[in-house]
C-alpha cells in the first residue's frame, strides 16, 4: 500500500539557502538510489521561502522505514536540525496520483 505524506516545515530565514541545498541533495539521492521512493516534491509558499512543503510517496511502509535509515537522509536530518524551526508531518489517504514522465525538473 502506498505511503503518501506531507511535511510542513518552517525554516530559519537566515538559513534558507543552505537548507534548500541540503534538501535538494537529499531528494535527488533518495529518488535516484531508493527504488521504494516513488517521488519527493518540495515547494515553498510564494513570498515566504521559509515555509517549505514536501510531498512524499513511498511504495510501502517498508520503503519508508528503509528511507529513514539511509546515509543521505541521516545527513540531511543531522545537518538541517538547527535550521528547522517547526516540522509537522501529515498522513494522507491517496485519492489520485498522476504525473507525466520526465516533465518535472528544476
N, C-alpha and C. Protein backbone atom coordinates (compact mmCIF):
# COMPACT_ATOMS: atom_id res chain seq x y z
N UNK A 1 0.83 -1.17 0.00
CA UNK A 1 0.00 0.00 0.00
C UNK A 1 0.89 1.25 0.00
N UNK A 2 0.58 2.20 -0.86
CA UNK A 2 1.36 3.43 -0.95
C UNK A 2 1.30 4.22 0.35
N UNK A 3 2.43 4.82 0.68
CA UNK A 3 2.51 5.75 1.80
C UNK A 3 2.72 7.13 1.19
N UNK A 4 1.77 8.03 1.43
CA UNK A 4 1.88 9.41 0.97
C UNK A 4 1.71 10.31 2.18
N UNK A 5 2.65 11.20 2.35
CA UNK A 5 2.56 12.14 3.46
C UNK A 5 3.06 13.50 3.01
N UNK A 6 2.68 14.50 3.77
CA UNK A 6 3.16 15.85 3.53
C UNK A 6 3.89 16.33 4.78
N UNK A 7 4.96 17.04 4.55
CA UNK A 7 5.70 17.66 5.64
C UNK A 7 5.58 19.17 5.49
N UNK A 8 5.18 19.83 6.57
CA UNK A 8 5.14 21.29 6.61
C UNK A 8 6.28 21.73 7.52
N UNK A 9 7.21 22.47 6.95
CA UNK A 9 8.36 22.92 7.71
C UNK A 9 8.44 24.43 7.71
N UNK A 10 8.94 24.97 8.79
CA UNK A 10 9.32 26.38 8.83
C UNK A 10 10.82 26.41 9.10
N UNK A 11 11.53 27.08 8.21
CA UNK A 11 12.99 27.11 8.26
C UNK A 11 13.45 28.49 8.73
N UNK A 12 14.54 28.53 9.47
CA UNK A 12 15.15 29.80 9.86
C UNK A 12 15.47 30.58 8.58
N UNK A 13 14.88 31.78 8.42
CA UNK A 13 15.09 32.54 7.18
C UNK A 13 16.56 32.81 6.86
N UNK A 14 17.40 32.92 7.89
CA UNK A 14 18.82 33.16 7.66
C UNK A 14 19.53 31.92 7.12
N UNK A 15 18.88 30.77 7.20
CA UNK A 15 19.49 29.51 6.77
C UNK A 15 18.85 28.93 5.51
N UNK A 16 17.92 29.65 4.89
CA UNK A 16 17.11 29.06 3.83
C UNK A 16 17.94 28.57 2.64
N UNK A 17 18.95 29.31 2.23
CA UNK A 17 19.75 28.86 1.08
C UNK A 17 20.49 27.56 1.39
N UNK A 18 21.08 27.50 2.56
CA UNK A 18 21.77 26.27 2.97
C UNK A 18 20.79 25.11 3.09
N UNK A 19 19.63 25.39 3.65
CA UNK A 19 18.61 24.35 3.79
C UNK A 19 18.19 23.82 2.42
N UNK A 20 17.89 24.72 1.49
CA UNK A 20 17.47 24.29 0.15
C UNK A 20 18.53 23.42 -0.53
N UNK A 21 19.78 23.75 -0.36
CA UNK A 21 20.86 22.95 -0.95
C UNK A 21 20.86 21.54 -0.37
N UNK A 22 20.78 21.43 0.95
CA UNK A 22 20.78 20.12 1.59
C UNK A 22 19.54 19.32 1.23
N UNK A 23 18.38 19.98 1.18
CA UNK A 23 17.14 19.30 0.81
C UNK A 23 17.22 18.78 -0.63
N UNK A 24 17.72 19.59 -1.54
CA UNK A 24 17.83 19.17 -2.94
C UNK A 24 18.76 17.97 -3.06
N UNK A 25 19.87 17.96 -2.34
CA UNK A 25 20.79 16.82 -2.37
C UNK A 25 20.10 15.56 -1.86
N UNK A 26 19.36 15.69 -0.77
CA UNK A 26 18.68 14.54 -0.17
C UNK A 26 17.61 13.99 -1.11
N UNK A 27 16.82 14.86 -1.70
CA UNK A 27 15.76 14.42 -2.60
C UNK A 27 16.35 13.74 -3.83
N UNK A 28 17.37 14.33 -4.41
CA UNK A 28 17.98 13.74 -5.61
C UNK A 28 18.51 12.35 -5.31
N UNK A 29 19.23 12.19 -4.21
CA UNK A 29 19.79 10.88 -3.86
C UNK A 29 18.68 9.88 -3.56
N UNK A 30 17.66 10.29 -2.84
CA UNK A 30 16.57 9.37 -2.48
C UNK A 30 15.87 8.82 -3.71
N UNK A 31 15.53 9.70 -4.64
CA UNK A 31 14.81 9.26 -5.84
C UNK A 31 15.72 8.41 -6.74
N UNK A 32 16.99 8.78 -6.83
CA UNK A 32 17.91 8.06 -7.70
C UNK A 32 18.28 6.69 -7.14
N UNK A 33 18.51 6.60 -5.83
CA UNK A 33 19.06 5.38 -5.22
C UNK A 33 18.00 4.41 -4.71
N UNK A 34 16.92 4.94 -4.14
CA UNK A 34 15.96 4.09 -3.44
C UNK A 34 14.79 3.70 -4.33
N UNK A 35 14.66 2.42 -4.66
CA UNK A 35 13.55 2.01 -5.53
C UNK A 35 12.17 2.24 -4.90
N UNK A 36 12.09 2.26 -3.59
CA UNK A 36 10.80 2.44 -2.93
C UNK A 36 10.36 3.88 -2.77
N UNK A 37 11.24 4.83 -3.11
CA UNK A 37 10.87 6.25 -3.09
C UNK A 37 10.31 6.57 -4.47
N UNK A 38 9.00 6.74 -4.55
CA UNK A 38 8.36 6.96 -5.84
C UNK A 38 8.45 8.42 -6.27
N UNK A 39 8.25 9.34 -5.34
CA UNK A 39 8.54 10.75 -5.63
C UNK A 39 8.67 11.54 -4.36
N UNK A 40 9.41 12.63 -4.48
CA UNK A 40 9.55 13.63 -3.43
C UNK A 40 9.49 14.98 -4.14
N UNK A 41 8.57 15.82 -3.74
CA UNK A 41 8.43 17.15 -4.32
C UNK A 41 8.51 18.17 -3.20
N UNK A 42 9.37 19.18 -3.35
CA UNK A 42 9.50 20.23 -2.35
C UNK A 42 9.16 21.58 -2.99
N UNK A 43 8.38 22.35 -2.27
CA UNK A 43 8.00 23.70 -2.72
C UNK A 43 8.03 24.62 -1.49
N UNK A 44 8.04 25.92 -1.76
CA UNK A 44 7.86 26.88 -0.68
C UNK A 44 6.69 27.78 -1.05
N UNK A 45 6.10 28.37 -0.03
CA UNK A 45 4.98 29.27 -0.27
C UNK A 45 5.49 30.52 -0.97
N UNK A 46 4.75 31.00 -1.96
CA UNK A 46 5.12 32.24 -2.65
C UNK A 46 5.25 33.36 -1.64
N UNK A 47 6.36 34.07 -1.70
CA UNK A 47 6.59 35.19 -0.80
C UNK A 47 7.02 34.78 0.59
N UNK A 48 7.10 33.49 0.85
CA UNK A 48 7.51 33.00 2.18
C UNK A 48 8.42 31.79 2.00
N UNK A 49 9.65 32.01 1.53
CA UNK A 49 10.54 30.88 1.23
C UNK A 49 10.87 30.02 2.44
N UNK A 50 10.65 30.56 3.64
CA UNK A 50 10.93 29.77 4.85
C UNK A 50 9.84 28.74 5.14
N UNK A 51 8.71 28.84 4.47
CA UNK A 51 7.62 27.88 4.66
C UNK A 51 7.69 26.83 3.56
N UNK A 52 8.32 25.73 3.88
CA UNK A 52 8.60 24.65 2.93
C UNK A 52 7.59 23.54 3.10
N UNK A 53 7.14 23.00 1.98
CA UNK A 53 6.22 21.87 1.97
C UNK A 53 6.83 20.77 1.11
N UNK A 54 6.81 19.55 1.63
CA UNK A 54 7.34 18.39 0.90
C UNK A 54 6.24 17.35 0.83
N UNK A 55 5.96 16.87 -0.38
CA UNK A 55 5.04 15.74 -0.53
C UNK A 55 5.88 14.54 -0.90
N UNK A 56 5.64 13.45 -0.19
CA UNK A 56 6.47 12.25 -0.30
C UNK A 56 5.59 11.06 -0.66
N UNK A 57 6.10 10.18 -1.51
CA UNK A 57 5.37 8.96 -1.83
C UNK A 57 6.33 7.79 -1.83
N UNK A 58 5.98 6.77 -1.05
CA UNK A 58 6.78 5.55 -0.91
C UNK A 58 5.95 4.35 -1.34
N UNK A 59 6.61 3.34 -1.86
CA UNK A 59 5.92 2.15 -2.36
C UNK A 59 5.13 1.45 -1.25
N UNK A 60 5.66 1.49 -0.03
CA UNK A 60 5.00 0.85 1.11
C UNK A 60 5.69 1.28 2.39
N UNK A 61 5.21 0.79 3.51
CA UNK A 61 5.76 1.15 4.81
C UNK A 61 7.23 0.75 4.93
N UNK A 62 7.58 -0.42 4.40
CA UNK A 62 8.97 -0.87 4.46
C UNK A 62 9.90 0.08 3.71
N UNK A 63 9.45 0.59 2.57
CA UNK A 63 10.26 1.54 1.80
C UNK A 63 10.46 2.83 2.59
N UNK A 64 9.40 3.28 3.25
CA UNK A 64 9.50 4.50 4.06
C UNK A 64 10.48 4.29 5.20
N UNK A 65 10.35 3.17 5.91
CA UNK A 65 11.23 2.89 7.03
C UNK A 65 12.68 2.74 6.58
N UNK A 66 12.90 2.13 5.42
CA UNK A 66 14.26 2.00 4.88
C UNK A 66 14.83 3.38 4.56
N UNK A 67 13.99 4.25 4.01
CA UNK A 67 14.42 5.61 3.67
C UNK A 67 14.99 6.34 4.88
N UNK A 68 14.35 6.16 6.03
CA UNK A 68 14.77 6.85 7.25
C UNK A 68 16.14 6.43 7.75
N UNK A 69 16.67 5.32 7.26
CA UNK A 69 17.96 4.82 7.72
C UNK A 69 19.09 5.05 6.72
N UNK A 70 18.79 5.65 5.58
CA UNK A 70 19.82 5.83 4.55
C UNK A 70 20.81 6.92 4.95
N UNK A 71 22.06 6.79 4.48
CA UNK A 71 23.06 7.81 4.81
C UNK A 71 22.67 9.21 4.33
N UNK A 72 22.07 9.31 3.15
CA UNK A 72 21.72 10.64 2.64
C UNK A 72 20.60 11.28 3.47
N UNK A 73 19.63 10.49 3.93
CA UNK A 73 18.57 11.06 4.77
C UNK A 73 19.13 11.46 6.13
N UNK A 74 19.96 10.61 6.72
CA UNK A 74 20.53 10.91 8.03
C UNK A 74 21.43 12.15 7.96
N UNK A 75 22.17 12.32 6.88
CA UNK A 75 22.98 13.53 6.68
C UNK A 75 22.08 14.76 6.64
N UNK A 76 21.01 14.69 5.86
CA UNK A 76 20.05 15.79 5.77
C UNK A 76 19.50 16.14 7.15
N UNK A 77 19.02 15.14 7.90
CA UNK A 77 18.41 15.39 9.22
C UNK A 77 19.43 16.02 10.17
N UNK A 78 20.64 15.50 10.18
CA UNK A 78 21.67 16.00 11.08
C UNK A 78 22.08 17.42 10.73
N UNK A 79 22.30 17.66 9.44
CA UNK A 79 22.83 18.97 9.04
C UNK A 79 21.77 20.07 8.98
N UNK A 80 20.49 19.70 8.98
CA UNK A 80 19.44 20.72 8.95
C UNK A 80 18.73 20.90 10.29
N UNK A 81 19.06 20.08 11.28
CA UNK A 81 18.33 20.11 12.56
C UNK A 81 18.28 21.51 13.16
N UNK A 82 19.37 22.26 13.10
CA UNK A 82 19.39 23.60 13.68
C UNK A 82 18.69 24.64 12.80
N UNK A 83 18.34 24.27 11.57
CA UNK A 83 17.68 25.19 10.64
C UNK A 83 16.16 25.13 10.73
N UNK A 84 15.64 23.98 11.17
CA UNK A 84 14.20 23.74 11.18
C UNK A 84 13.60 24.29 12.47
N UNK A 85 12.70 25.27 12.30
CA UNK A 85 12.01 25.86 13.45
C UNK A 85 10.79 25.04 13.85
N UNK A 86 10.13 24.43 12.85
CA UNK A 86 9.00 23.57 13.15
C UNK A 86 8.83 22.56 12.02
N UNK A 87 8.25 21.42 12.39
CA UNK A 87 8.00 20.34 11.43
C UNK A 87 6.69 19.68 11.82
N UNK A 88 5.80 19.58 10.85
CA UNK A 88 4.52 18.88 11.05
C UNK A 88 4.38 17.86 9.93
N UNK A 89 4.22 16.60 10.28
CA UNK A 89 4.00 15.54 9.30
C UNK A 89 2.52 15.22 9.22
N UNK A 90 2.01 15.20 8.01
CA UNK A 90 0.59 14.96 7.78
C UNK A 90 0.44 13.65 7.02
N UNK A 91 -0.21 12.68 7.63
CA UNK A 91 -0.51 11.42 6.96
C UNK A 91 -1.69 11.64 6.03
N UNK A 92 -1.69 10.99 4.88
CA UNK A 92 -2.77 11.17 3.92
C UNK A 92 -3.29 9.83 3.43
N UNK A 93 -4.45 9.88 2.82
CA UNK A 93 -5.01 8.76 2.07
C UNK A 93 -5.01 9.19 0.61
N UNK A 94 -4.16 8.57 -0.22
CA UNK A 94 -4.11 8.98 -1.63
C UNK A 94 -5.46 8.77 -2.31
N UNK A 95 -5.85 9.74 -3.11
CA UNK A 95 -7.06 9.62 -3.91
C UNK A 95 -6.66 9.32 -5.34
N UNK A 96 -5.94 10.23 -5.96
CA UNK A 96 -5.44 10.04 -7.31
C UNK A 96 -4.07 10.69 -7.41
N UNK A 97 -3.09 9.95 -7.93
CA UNK A 97 -1.75 10.48 -8.15
C UNK A 97 -1.42 10.27 -9.62
N UNK A 98 -1.00 11.33 -10.30
CA UNK A 98 -0.65 11.23 -11.71
C UNK A 98 0.41 12.25 -12.05
N UNK A 99 1.28 11.91 -12.99
CA UNK A 99 2.30 12.83 -13.48
C UNK A 99 2.73 12.37 -14.86
N UNK A 100 3.15 13.31 -15.67
CA UNK A 100 3.71 12.97 -16.96
C UNK A 100 5.19 12.66 -16.76
N UNK A 101 5.65 11.52 -17.21
CA UNK A 101 7.06 11.14 -17.01
C UNK A 101 8.00 12.17 -17.63
N UNK A 102 9.02 12.54 -16.86
CA UNK A 102 10.06 13.40 -17.38
C UNK A 102 9.69 14.85 -17.57
N UNK A 103 8.54 15.28 -17.09
CA UNK A 103 8.09 16.65 -17.34
C UNK A 103 8.41 17.61 -16.21
N UNK A 104 8.80 17.11 -15.05
CA UNK A 104 9.08 17.98 -13.92
C UNK A 104 10.57 17.96 -13.66
N UNK A 105 11.17 19.14 -13.66
CA UNK A 105 12.58 19.28 -13.32
C UNK A 105 12.81 20.68 -12.78
N UNK A 106 13.98 20.88 -12.20
CA UNK A 106 14.31 22.21 -11.64
C UNK A 106 14.75 23.13 -12.73
